Amino acid sequence: MNTAITISTSDSRILESTVRDYITLLKPGVMSLVVFTGLAGMLVAPGHINAFQQCLTLFCIALASGAGAAMNMWYDRDIDAIMKRTAKRPVPAGRIAPDDALAFGLFLAAGAVMLMGLALNWMAAAILAFAIFFYVVIYTMWLKRRTPQNIVIGGAAGAFPPMIGWAAVTGNVSLEAALLFAIIFLWTPPHFWALALYKNGDYAKANVPMMPVVAGPASTKRQMVAYTWILALVTLLLPALKMAGMIYAAAAAILAVVFLHHVYKVLYDQTDTWPRRTFAFSIYYLFMLFTALMVDHWIHLWK
């Protein structure tokens, strides 16, 4: 009896560990931001889909995000094993076989695209499929190891969710959806370069040509400032084009000032303190900006 209980407990722990590893494979932290921006695009889009379709849209975006993450970890397992930040991920650590990670990612990707097409529309499904392709093939396989512009161009992969949410509702892509895309596209370089500044040694060791490795910290910091200024201006285009009202405009302006404060601190900081703070703040920035957009939209609807 005791032996049976011991075996059962052991099996339960193994199963729990395996499930946890597969969840890690999906990069749930990244997924939460992806789903949230997709939600914003869906809710501010003109038109209406029912609650069930809304949930399906977010589910498909989440599946697609997880699919891209799994295939990214499959392909990057060699450099992930070298970098301290990523060495404990399930594939480089040997807890999930590379082929299993790839198969899992492909299965999720196919399921997400088919479900989106059948339940919503094929325009949204096509953008979803392209977003997965862009992240896995264009960014992970092509850009990441070849150019310091990897994050600049590859940032497009993470900018698709609000466009997908918009297309799920409307069946098309408009200027408004493109602006939501542009916000995340421009946000990505200062966000990720802040991380790259204090993980510079990791990327250099893995021979990944991140901007701080190739151009140096000083050049990277100047580019962070430039991108943040452009981002601030683009966020303020939404109220100028009547896409949002004063609540969003006020929030966007305040958030822009705070973000610029952070990147200017990074510009003159010779330690890791402000890059770390800026990376953390940049995540809150995007959450708060899109929250303000949704709140502004809801208040406008209730007037």
C-alpha atoms as a PDB file:
ATOM      1  CA  MET A   1       0.000   0.000   0.000  1.00  0.00           C
ATOM      2  CA  ASN A   2       2.751   2.467   0.969  1.00  0.00           C
ATOM      3  CA  THR A   3       4.645   1.648  -2.219  1.00  0.00           C
ATOM      4  CA  ALA A   4       1.529   2.347  -4.291  1.00  0.00           C
ATOM      5  CA  ILE A   5       1.032   5.670  -2.563  1.00  0.00           C
ATOM      6  CA  THR A   6       4.681   6.589  -3.122  1.00  0.00           C
ATOM      7  CA  ILE A   7       4.465   5.725  -6.826  1.00  0.00           C
ATOM      8  CA  SER A   8       1.223   7.670  -7.174  1.00  0.00           C
ATOM      9  CA  THR A   9       2.722  10.723  -5.509  1.00  0.00           C
ATOM     10  CA  SER A  10       5.816  10.489  -7.700  1.00  0.00           C
ATOM     11  CA  ASP A  11       3.722  10.229 -10.868  1.00  0.00           C
ATOM     12  CA  SER A  12       1.644  13.214  -9.772  1.00  0.00           C
ATOM     13  CA  ARG A  13       4.753  15.321  -9.248  1.00  0.00           C
ATOM     14  CA  ILE A  14       6.140  14.332 -12.642  1.00  0.00           C
ATOM     15  CA  LEU A  15       2.848  15.245 -14.313  1.00  0.00           C
ATOM     16  CA  GLU A  16       2.715  18.558 -12.466  1.00  0.00           C
ATOM     17  CA  SER A  17       6.287  19.336 -13.484  1.00  0.00           C
ATOM     18  CA  THR A  18       5.581  18.440 -17.127  1.00  0.00           C
ATOM     19  CA  VAL A  19       2.454  20.604 -17.251  1.00  0.00           C
ATOM     20  CA  ARG A  20       4.388  23.475 -15.687  1.00  0.00           C
ATOM     21  CA  ASP A  21       7.128  23.112 -18.299  1.00  0.00           C
ATOM     22  CA  TYR A  22       4.655  23.176 -21.183  1.00  0.00           C
ATOM     23  CA  ILE A  23       3.035  26.283 -19.715  1.00  0.00           C
ATOM     24  CA  THR A  24       6.497  27.871 -19.490  1.00  0.00           C
ATOM     25  CA  LEU A  25       6.996  26.961 -23.145  1.00  0.00           C
ATOM     26  CA  LEU A  26       4.093  29.293 -23.985  1.00  0.00           C
ATOM     27  CA  LYS A  27       5.789  32.340 -22.341  1.00  0.00           C
ATOM     28  CA  PRO A  28       2.679  33.263 -20.320  1.00  0.00           C
ATOM     29  CA  GLY A  29       4.080  36.664 -19.331  1.00  0.00           C
ATOM     30  CA  VAL A  30       4.425  37.701 -22.956  1.00  0.00           C
ATOM     31  CA  MET A  31       1.077  36.069 -23.764  1.00  0.00           C
ATOM     32  CA  SER A  32      -0.759  38.223 -21.211  1.00  0.00           C
ATOM     33  CA  LEU A  33       0.416  41.427 -22.896  1.00  0.00           C
ATOM     34  CA  VAL A  34      -0.356  40.056 -26.359  1.00  0.00           C
ATOM     35  CA  VAL A  35      -3.888  39.051 -25.360  1.00  0.00           C
ATOM     36  CA  PHE A  36      -4.479  42.378 -23.601  1.00  0.00           C
ATOM     37  CA  THR A  37      -3.547  44.460 -26.661  1.00  0.00           C
ATOM     38  CA  GLY A  38      -5.668  42.143 -28.812  1.00  0.00           C
ATOM     39  CA  LEU A  39      -8.567  42.793 -26.445  1.00  0.00           C
ATOM     40  CA  ALA A  40      -8.085  46.533 -26.844  1.00  0.00           C
ATOM     41  CA  GLY A  41      -8.137  46.299 -30.633  1.00  0.00           C
ATOM     42  CA  MET A  42     -11.278  44.184 -30.509  1.00  0.00           C
ATOM     43  CA  LEU A  43     -13.166  46.437 -28.088  1.00  0.00           C
ATOM     44  CA  VAL A  44     -12.419  49.777 -29.766  1.00  0.00           C
ATOM     45  CA  ALA A  45     -13.168  48.497 -33.270  1.00  0.00           C
ATOM     46  CA  PRO A  46     -16.418  49.716 -34.844  1.00  0.00           C
ATOM     47  CA  GLY A  47     -19.020  46.973 -34.945  1.00  0.00           C
ATOM     48  CA  HIS A  48     -19.984  44.169 -32.628  1.00  0.00           C
ATOM     49  CA  ILE A  49     -19.367  40.488 -32.064  1.00  0.00           C
ATOM     50  CA  ASN A  50     -21.025  38.499 -29.301  1.00  0.00           C
ATOM     51  CA  ALA A  51     -19.345  37.556 -26.022  1.00  0.00           C
ATOM     52  CA  PHE A  52     -18.638  34.005 -27.177  1.00  0.00           C
ATOM     53  CA  GLN A  53     -16.887  35.257 -30.314  1.00  0.00           C
ATOM     54  CA  GLN A  54     -14.925  37.740 -28.235  1.00  0.00           C
ATOM     55  CA  CYS A  55     -13.691  34.936 -25.988  1.00  0.00           C
ATOM     56  CA  LEU A  56     -12.804  32.813 -29.022  1.00  0.00           C
ATOM     57  CA  THR A  57     -10.841  35.714 -30.519  1.00  0.00           C
ATOM     58  CA  LEU A  58      -8.763  36.127 -27.364  1.00  0.00           C
ATOM     59  CA  PHE A  59      -8.328  32.358 -27.085  1.00  0.00           C
ATOM     60  CA  CYS A  60      -7.006  32.175 -30.649  1.00  0.00           C
ATOM     61  CA  ILE A  61      -4.616  35.081 -30.038  1.00  0.00           C
ATOM     62  CA  ALA A  62      -3.380  33.348 -26.870  1.00  0.00           C
ATOM     63  CA  LEU A  63      -2.894  30.034 -28.717  1.00  0.00           C
ATOM     64  CA  ALA A  64      -1.003  31.781 -31.503  1.00  0.00           C
ATOM     65  CA  SER A  65       1.225  33.597 -29.006  1.00  0.00           C
ATOM     66  CA  GLY A  66       1.993  30.313 -27.261  1.00  0.00           C
ATOM     67  CA  ALA A  67       2.646  28.606 -30.577  1.00  0.00           C
ATOM     68  CA  GLY A  68       5.195  31.240 -31.573  1.00  0.00           C
ATOM     69  CA  ALA A  69       6.864  31.042 -28.167  1.00  0.00           C
ATOM     70  CA  ALA A  70       7.162  27.240 -28.327  1.00  0.00           C
ATOM     71  CA  MET A  71       8.702  27.320 -31.808  1.00  0.00           C
ATOM     72  CA  ASN A  72      10.997  30.165 -30.757  1.00  0.00           C
ATOM     73  CA  MET A  73      12.292  28.051 -27.853  1.00  0.00           C
ATOM     74  CA  TRP A  74      12.695  25.074 -30.177  1.00  0.00           C
ATOM     75  CA  TYR A  75      14.835  27.027 -32.642  1.00  0.00           C
ATOM     76  CA  ASP A  76      16.780  29.082 -30.094  1.00  0.00           C
ATOM     77  CA  ARG A  77      17.629  26.179 -27.790  1.00  0.00           C
ATOM     78  CA  ASP A  78      21.347  26.444 -28.618  1.00  0.00           C
ATOM     79  CA  ILE A  79      21.727  30.105 -27.674  1.00  0.00           C
ATOM     80  CA  ASP A  80      19.203  29.793 -24.833  1.00  0.00           C
ATOM     81  CA  ALA A  81      21.517  27.211 -23.254  1.00  0.00           C
ATOM     82  CA  ILE A  82      24.382  29.733 -23.306  1.00  0.00           C
ATOM     83  CA  MET A  83      22.545  32.717 -21.827  1.00  0.00           C
ATOM     84  CA  LYS A  84      21.976  32.807 -18.074  1.00  0.00           C
ATOM     85  CA  ARG A  85      18.539  34.440 -18.515  1.00  0.00           C
ATOM     86  CA  THR A  86      17.226  31.568 -20.651  1.00  0.00           C
ATOM     87  CA  ALA A  87      19.307  28.525 -19.683  1.00  0.00           C
ATOM     88  CA  LYS A  88      16.602  27.123 -17.405  1.00  0.00           C
ATOM     89  CA  ARG A  89      13.925  27.132 -20.077  1.00  0.00           C
ATOM     90  CA  PRO A  90      12.397  23.661 -20.626  1.00  0.00           C
ATOM     91  CA  VAL A  91      14.067  22.876 -23.964  1.00  0.00           C
ATOM     92  CA  PRO A  92      17.707  23.907 -23.280  1.00  0.00           C
ATOM     93  CA  ALA A  93      17.414  22.394 -19.791  1.00  0.00           C
ATOM     94  CA  GLY A  94      16.394  19.073 -21.361  1.00  0.00           C
ATOM     95  CA  ARG A  95      12.970  18.813 -19.719  1.00  0.00           C
ATOM     96  CA  ILE A  96      11.135  18.977 -23.056  1.00  0.00           C
ATOM     97  CA  ALA A  97      12.532  17.410 -26.214  1.00  0.00           C
ATOM     98  CA  PRO A  98      13.080  19.849 -29.116  1.00  0.00           C
ATOM     99  CA  ASP A  99      10.860  17.840 -31.469  1.00  0.00           C
ATOM    100  CA  ASP A 100       8.078  17.855 -28.894  1.00  0.00           C
ATOM    101  CA  ALA A 101       8.312  21.643 -28.528  1.00  0.00           C
ATOM    102  CA  LEU A 102       8.159  22.059 -32.309  1.00  0.00           C
ATOM    103  CA  ALA A 103       5.206  19.697 -32.685  1.00  0.00           C
ATOM    104  CA  PHE A 104       3.388  21.430 -29.837  1.00  0.00           C
ATOM    105  CA  GLY A 105       3.932  24.829 -31.444  1.00  0.00           C
ATOM    106  CA  LEU A 106       2.796  23.701 -34.880  1.00  0.00           C
ATOM    107  CA  PHE A 107      -0.314  22.072 -33.412  1.00  0.00           C
ATOM    108  CA  LEU A 108      -1.269  25.235 -31.516  1.00  0.00           C
ATOM    109  CA  ALA A 109      -0.603  27.436 -34.539  1.00  0.00           C
ATOM    110  CA  ALA A 110      -2.764  25.344 -36.868  1.00  0.00           C
ATOM    111  CA  GLY A 111      -5.552  25.159 -34.289  1.00  0.00           C
ATOM    112  CA  ALA A 112      -5.507  28.910 -33.638  1.00  0.00           C
ATOM    113  CA  VAL A 113      -5.657  29.873 -37.316  1.00  0.00           C
ATOM    114  CA  MET A 114      -8.364  27.358 -38.237  1.00  0.00           C
ATOM    115  CA  LEU A 115     -10.527  28.257 -35.252  1.00  0.00           C
ATOM    116  CA  MET A 116     -10.187  31.983 -35.953  1.00  0.00           C
ATOM    117  CA  GLY A 117     -11.139  31.498 -39.598  1.00  0.00           C
ATOM    118  CA  LEU A 118     -14.124  29.256 -38.913  1.00  0.00           C
ATOM    119  CA  ALA A 119     -15.474  31.116 -35.870  1.00  0.00           C
ATOM    120  CA  LEU A 120     -14.734  34.737 -36.851  1.00  0.00           C
ATOM    121  CA  ASN A 121     -13.436  35.532 -40.348  1.00  0.00           C
ATOM    122  CA  TRP A 122     -10.571  34.607 -42.618  1.00  0.00           C
ATOM    123  CA  MET A 123      -9.074  38.103 -42.692  1.00  0.00           C
ATOM    124  CA  ALA A 124      -8.383  37.886 -38.956  1.00  0.00           C
ATOM    125  CA  ALA A 125      -7.139  34.307 -39.438  1.00  0.00           C
ATOM    126  CA  ALA A 126      -4.775  35.404 -42.216  1.00  0.00           C
ATOM    127  CA  ILE A 127      -3.249  38.158 -40.070  1.00  0.00           C
ATOM    128  CA  LEU A 128      -2.942  35.706 -37.185  1.00  0.00           C
ATOM    129  CA  ALA A 129      -1.139  33.202 -39.417  1.00  0.00           C
ATOM    130  CA  PHE A 130       1.178  35.905 -40.754  1.00  0.00           C
ATOM    131  CA  ALA A 131       1.966  37.087 -37.213  1.00  0.00           C
ATOM    132  CA  ILE A 132       3.074  33.557 -36.263  1.00  0.00           C
ATOM    133  CA  PHE A 133       5.113  33.243 -39.465  1.00  0.00           C
ATOM    134  CA  PHE A 134       6.714  36.642 -38.916  1.00  0.00           C
ATOM    135  CA  TYR A 135       7.748  35.857 -35.357  1.00  0.00           C
ATOM    136  CA  VAL A 136       9.066  32.359 -36.022  1.00  0.00           C
ATOM    137  CA  VAL A 137      10.582  32.672 -39.487  1.00  0.00           C
ATOM    138  CA  ILE A 138      11.316  36.359 -40.096  1.00  0.00           C
ATOM    139  CA  TYR A 139      12.390  37.291 -36.569  1.00  0.00           C
ATOM    140  CA  THR A 140      13.590  34.098 -34.854  1.00  0.00           C
ATOM    141  CA  MET A 141      15.171  32.272 -37.791  1.00  0.00           C
ATOM    142  CA  TRP A 142      16.313  35.154 -39.997  1.00  0.00           C
ATOM    143  CA  LEU A 143      16.733  38.483 -38.200  1.00  0.00           C
ATOM    144  CA  LYS A 144      17.675  37.646 -34.622  1.00  0.00           C
ATOM    145  CA  ARG A 145      21.138  36.229 -35.362  1.00  0.00           C
ATOM    146  CA  ARG A 146      21.963  38.409 -38.371  1.00  0.00           C
ATOM    147  CA  THR A 147      21.307  42.071 -37.667  1.00  0.00           C
ATOM    148  CA  PRO A 148      21.159  44.544 -34.770  1.00  0.00           C
ATOM    149  CA  GLN A 149      17.888  45.690 -36.328  1.00  0.00           C
ATOM    150  CA  ASN A 150      16.357  42.361 -35.261  1.00  0.00           C
ATOM    151  CA  ILE A 151      14.121  43.945 -32.622  1.00  0.00           C
ATOM    152  CA  VAL A 152      13.245  46.962 -34.770  1.00  0.00           C
ATOM    153  CA  ILE A 153      11.921  44.876 -37.664  1.00  0.00           C
ATOM    154  CA  GLY A 154      10.952  41.863 -35.598  1.00  0.00           C
ATOM    155  CA  GLY A 155       8.880  44.089 -33.324  1.00  0.00           C
ATOM    156  CA  ALA A 156       6.164  43.878 -35.946  1.00  0.00           C
ATOM    157  CA  ALA A 157       5.403  40.340 -34.745  1.00  0.00           C
ATOM    158  CA  GLY A 158       4.229  41.603 -31.362  1.00  0.00           C
ATOM    159  CA  ALA A 159       2.350  44.520 -32.902  1.00  0.00           C
ATOM    160  CA  PHE A 160      -0.234  42.429 -34.762  1.00  0.00           C
ATOM    161  CA  PRO A 161      -2.627  41.517 -31.874  1.00  0.00           C
ATOM    162  CA  PRO A 162      -4.693  44.762 -31.827  1.00  0.00           C
ATOM    163  CA  MET A 163      -4.934  44.538 -35.597  1.00  0.00           C
ATOM    164  CA  ILE A 164      -6.128  40.935 -35.278  1.00  0.00           C
ATOM    165  CA  GLY A 165      -8.707  41.964 -32.673  1.00  0.00           C
ATOM    166  CA  TRP A 166      -9.874  44.780 -34.941  1.00  0.00           C
ATOM    167  CA  ALA A 167     -10.150  42.456 -37.968  1.00  0.00           C
ATOM    168  CA  ALA A 168     -12.066  39.875 -35.924  1.00  0.00           C
ATOM    169  CA  VAL A 169     -14.803  42.476 -35.411  1.00  0.00           C
ATOM    170  CA  THR A 170     -14.746  44.325 -38.732  1.00  0.00           C
ATOM    171  CA  GLY A 171     -13.384  41.795 -41.207  1.00  0.00           C
ATOM    172  CA  ASN A 172     -10.887  44.355 -42.485  1.00  0.00           C
ATOM    173  CA  VAL A 173      -7.879  46.493 -41.542  1.00  0.00           C
ATOM    174  CA  SER A 174      -8.088  50.284 -41.414  1.00  0.00           C
ATOM    175  CA  LEU A 175      -5.903  53.289 -40.604  1.00  0.00           C
ATOM    176  CA  GLU A 176      -7.027  53.085 -36.977  1.00  0.00           C
ATOM    177  CA  ALA A 177      -5.863  49.468 -36.719  1.00  0.00           C
ATOM    178  CA  ALA A 178      -2.573  50.419 -38.373  1.00  0.00           C
ATOM    179  CA  LEU A 179      -2.014  53.119 -35.741  1.00  0.00           C
ATOM    180  CA  LEU A 180      -2.526  50.614 -32.930  1.00  0.00           C
ATOM    181  CA  PHE A 181       0.010  48.395 -34.717  1.00  0.00           C
ATOM    182  CA  ALA A 182       2.430  51.338 -34.999  1.00  0.00           C
ATOM    183  CA  ILE A 183       2.244  52.090 -31.270  1.00  0.00           C
ATOM    184  CA  ILE A 184       3.467  48.607 -30.306  1.00  0.00           C
ATOM    185  CA  PHE A 185       5.966  48.543 -33.188  1.00  0.00           C
ATOM    186  CA  LEU A 186       7.589  51.771 -31.954  1.00  0.00           C
ATOM    187  CA  TRP A 187       7.362  50.735 -28.296  1.00  0.00           C
ATOM    188  CA  THR A 188       9.318  47.514 -28.857  1.00  0.00           C
ATOM    189  CA  PRO A 189      12.858  48.929 -29.420  1.00  0.00           C
ATOM    190  CA  PRO A 190      13.075  51.046 -26.232  1.00  0.00           C
ATOM    191  CA  HIS A 191      11.361  48.256 -24.295  1.00  0.00           C
ATOM    192  CA  PHE A 192      13.665  45.466 -25.452  1.00  0.00           C
ATOM    193  CA  TRP A 193      16.870  47.483 -25.699  1.00  0.00           C
ATOM    194  CA  ALA A 194      16.454  48.397 -22.029  1.00  0.00           C
ATOM    195  CA  LEU A 195      16.635  44.668 -21.298  1.00  0.00           C
ATOM    196  CA  ALA A 196      19.510  44.198 -23.739  1.00  0.00           C
ATOM    197  CA  LEU A 197      21.535  46.912 -22.000  1.00  0.00           C
ATOM    198  CA  TYR A 198      21.694  45.049 -18.706  1.00  0.00           C
ATOM    199  CA  LYS A 199      21.843  41.620 -20.369  1.00  0.00           C
ATOM    200  CA  ASN A 200      24.526  42.749 -22.791  1.00  0.00           C
ATOM    201  CA  GLY A 201      27.021  40.125 -21.643  1.00  0.00           C
ATOM    202  CA  ASP A 202      24.529  37.309 -22.191  1.00  0.00           C
ATOM    203  CA  TYR A 203      23.867  38.332 -25.789  1.00  0.00           C
ATOM    204  CA  ALA A 204      27.572  38.858 -26.508  1.00  0.00           C
ATOM    205  CA  LYS A 205      28.362  35.395 -25.130  1.00  0.00           C
ATOM    206  CA  ALA A 206      25.686  33.835 -27.353  1.00  0.00           C
ATOM    207  CA  ASN A 207      26.853  35.890 -30.347  1.00  0.00           C
ATOM    208  CA  VAL A 208      23.431  37.496 -30.809  1.00  0.00           C
ATOM    209  CA  PRO A 209      23.922  40.915 -32.496  1.00  0.00           C
ATOM    210  CA  MET A 210      21.710  42.979 -30.217  1.00  0.00           C
ATOM    211  CA  MET A 211      22.140  46.730 -30.605  1.00  0.00           C
ATOM    212  CA  PRO A 212      24.205  47.219 -27.397  1.00  0.00           C
ATOM    213  CA  VAL A 213      26.559  44.427 -28.521  1.00  0.00           C
ATOM    214  CA  VAL A 214      27.085  45.785 -32.045  1.00  0.00           C
ATOM    215  CA  ALA A 215      26.658  49.562 -31.723  1.00  0.00           C
ATOM    216  CA  GLY A 216      27.514  49.927 -28.052  1.00  0.00           C
ATOM    217  CA  PRO A 217      25.466  51.173 -25.078  1.00  0.00           C
ATOM    218  CA  ALA A 218      25.781  54.896 -25.920  1.00  0.00           C
ATOM    219  CA  SER A 219      24.348  54.548 -29.429  1.00  0.00           C
ATOM    220  CA  THR A 220      21.605  52.220 -28.167  1.00  0.00           C
ATOM    221  CA  LYS A 221      20.558  54.730 -25.504  1.00  0.00           C
ATOM    222  CA  ARG A 222      20.334  57.560 -28.056  1.00  0.00           C
ATOM    223  CA  GLN A 223      18.175  55.400 -30.293  1.00  0.00           C
ATOM    224  CA  MET A 224      15.931  54.551 -27.335  1.00  0.00           C
ATOM    225  CA  VAL A 225      15.330  58.266 -26.804  1.00  0.00           C
ATOM    226  CA  ALA A 226      14.540  58.797 -30.491  1.00  0.00           C
ATOM    227  CA  TYR A 227      12.081  55.900 -30.660  1.00  0.00           C
ATOM    228  CA  THR A 228      10.352  57.018 -27.468  1.00  0.00           C
ATOM    229  CA  TRP A 229       9.825  60.516 -28.867  1.00  0.00           C
ATOM    230  CA  ILE A 230       8.317  59.091 -32.057  1.00  0.00           C
ATOM    231  CA  LEU A 231       6.171  56.726 -29.993  1.00  0.00           C
ATOM    232  CA  ALA A 232       4.875  59.640 -27.909  1.00  0.00           C
ATOM    233  CA  LEU A 233       3.891  61.573 -31.018  1.00  0.00           C
ATOM    234  CA  VAL A 234       2.133  58.587 -32.590  1.00  0.00           C
ATOM    235  CA  THR A 235       0.130  57.868 -29.422  1.00  0.00           C
ATOM    236  CA  LEU A 236      -1.139  61.458 -29.554  1.00  0.00           C
ATOM    237  CA  LEU A 237      -2.314  61.018 -33.143  1.00  0.00           C
ATOM    238  CA  LEU A 238      -5.276  58.956 -31.904  1.00  0.00           C
ATOM    239  CA  PRO A 239      -7.156  61.864 -30.299  1.00  0.00           C
ATOM    240  CA  ALA A 240      -6.070  64.150 -33.132  1.00  0.00           C
ATOM    241  CA  LEU A 241      -7.776  61.761 -35.582  1.00  0.00           C
ATOM    242  CA  LYS A 242     -10.860  61.421 -33.337  1.00  0.00           C
ATOM    243  CA  MET A 243      -9.998  57.819 -32.493  1.00  0.00           C
ATOM    244  CA  ALA A 244      -9.968  58.672 -28.792  1.00  0.00           C
ATOM    245  CA  GLY A 245     -11.039  61.460 -26.455  1.00  0.00           C
ATOM    246  CA  MET A 246      -9.594  63.547 -23.673  1.00  0.00           C
ATOM    247  CA  ILE A 247      -9.219  60.745 -21.123  1.00  0.00           C
ATOM    248  CA  TYR A 248      -6.931  58.820 -23.452  1.00  0.00           C
ATOM    249  CA  ALA A 249      -5.161  62.020 -24.558  1.00  0.00           C
ATOM    250  CA  ALA A 250      -4.356  62.974 -20.965  1.00  0.00           C
ATOM    251  CA  ALA A 251      -3.166  59.465 -20.109  1.00  0.00           C
ATOM    252  CA  ALA A 252      -1.046  59.217 -23.282  1.00  0.00           C
ATOM    253  CA  ALA A 253       0.588  62.582 -22.563  1.00  0.00           C
ATOM    254  CA  ILE A 254       1.383  61.735 -18.936  1.00  0.00           C
ATOM    255  CA  LEU A 255       2.687  58.278 -19.834  1.00  0.00           C
ATOM    256  CA  ALA A 256       4.832  59.775 -22.607  1.00  0.00           C
ATOM    257  CA  VAL A 257       6.429  62.220 -20.161  1.00  0.00           C
ATOM    258  CA  VAL A 258       7.172  59.426 -17.680  1.00  0.00           C
ATOM    259  CA  PHE A 259       8.569  57.125 -20.380  1.00  0.00           C
ATOM    260  CA  LEU A 260      10.772  59.925 -21.727  1.00  0.00           C
ATOM    261  CA  HIS A 261      11.959  60.631 -18.184  1.00  0.00           C
ATOM    262  CA  HIS A 262      13.025  56.990 -17.908  1.00  0.00           C
ATOM    263  CA  VAL A 263      14.907  56.838 -21.216  1.00  0.00           C
ATOM    264  CA  TYR A 264      16.709  60.118 -20.510  1.00  0.00           C
ATOM    265  CA  LYS A 265      17.776  58.668 -17.175  1.00  0.00           C
ATOM    266  CA  VAL A 266      19.047  55.629 -19.085  1.00  0.00           C
ATOM    267  CA  LEU A 267      20.939  57.941 -21.446  1.00  0.00           C
ATOM    268  CA  TYR A 268      23.081  59.319 -18.618  1.00  0.00           C
ATOM    269  CA  ASP A 269      23.170  56.260 -16.357  1.00  0.00           C
ATOM    270  CA  GLN A 270      26.415  54.295 -16.326  1.00  0.00           C
ATOM    271  CA  THR A 271      24.913  51.454 -14.266  1.00  0.00           C
ATOM    272  CA  ASP A 272      22.137  48.926 -14.814  1.00  0.00           C
ATOM    273  CA  THR A 273      19.701  50.736 -12.515  1.00  0.00           C
ATOM    274  CA  TRP A 274      17.731  52.784 -15.021  1.00  0.00           C
ATOM    275  CA  PRO A 275      17.746  50.200 -17.838  1.00  0.00           C
ATOM    276  CA  ARG A 276      16.148  47.755 -15.383  1.00  0.00           C
ATOM    277  CA  ARG A 277      13.604  50.338 -14.232  1.00  0.00           C
ATOM    278  CA  THR A 278      12.831  51.344 -17.802  1.00  0.00           C
ATOM    279  CA  PHE A 279      12.274  47.761 -18.925  1.00  0.00           C
ATOM    280  CA  ALA A 280       9.828  47.208 -16.061  1.00  0.00           C
ATOM    281  CA  PHE A 281       8.054  50.527 -16.625  1.00  0.00           C
ATOM    282  CA  SER A 282       7.714  49.958 -20.373  1.00  0.00           C
ATOM    283  CA  ILE A 283       5.490  46.935 -19.703  1.00  0.00           C
ATOM    284  CA  TYR A 284       3.257  48.963 -17.383  1.00  0.00           C
ATOM    285  CA  TYR A 285       3.281  51.763 -19.963  1.00  0.00           C
ATOM    286  CA  LEU A 286       1.697  49.612 -22.646  1.00  0.00           C
ATOM    287  CA  PHE A 287      -0.864  48.126 -20.256  1.00  0.00           C
ATOM    288  CA  MET A 288      -1.851  51.582 -18.990  1.00  0.00           C
ATOM    289  CA  LEU A 289      -1.963  53.172 -22.446  1.00  0.00           C
ATOM    290  CA  PHE A 290      -4.303  50.528 -23.858  1.00  0.00           C
ATOM    291  CA  THR A 291      -6.359  50.542 -20.661  1.00  0.00           C
ATOM    292  CA  ALA A 292      -6.868  54.296 -21.069  1.00  0.00           C
ATOM    293  CA  LEU A 293      -7.900  53.742 -24.685  1.00  0.00           C
ATOM    294  CA  MET A 294     -10.537  51.180 -23.690  1.00  0.00           C
ATOM    295  CA  VAL A 295     -11.857  53.284 -20.783  1.00  0.00           C
ATOM    296  CA  ASP A 296     -12.092  56.307 -23.059  1.00  0.00           C
ATOM    297  CA  HIS A 297     -13.983  54.228 -25.628  1.00  0.00           C
ATOM    298  CA  TRP A 298     -16.436  52.840 -23.052  1.00  0.00           C
ATOM    299  CA  ILE A 299     -17.186  56.312 -21.649  1.00  0.00           C
ATOM    300  CA  HIS A 300     -17.808  57.600 -25.166  1.00  0.00           C
ATOM    301  CA  LEU A 301     -20.251  54.725 -25.802  1.00  0.00           C
ATOM    302  CA  TRP A 302     -22.227  55.525 -22.636  1.00  0.00           C
ATOM    303  CA  LYS A 303     -22.626  59.233 -23.418  1.00  0.00           C
END
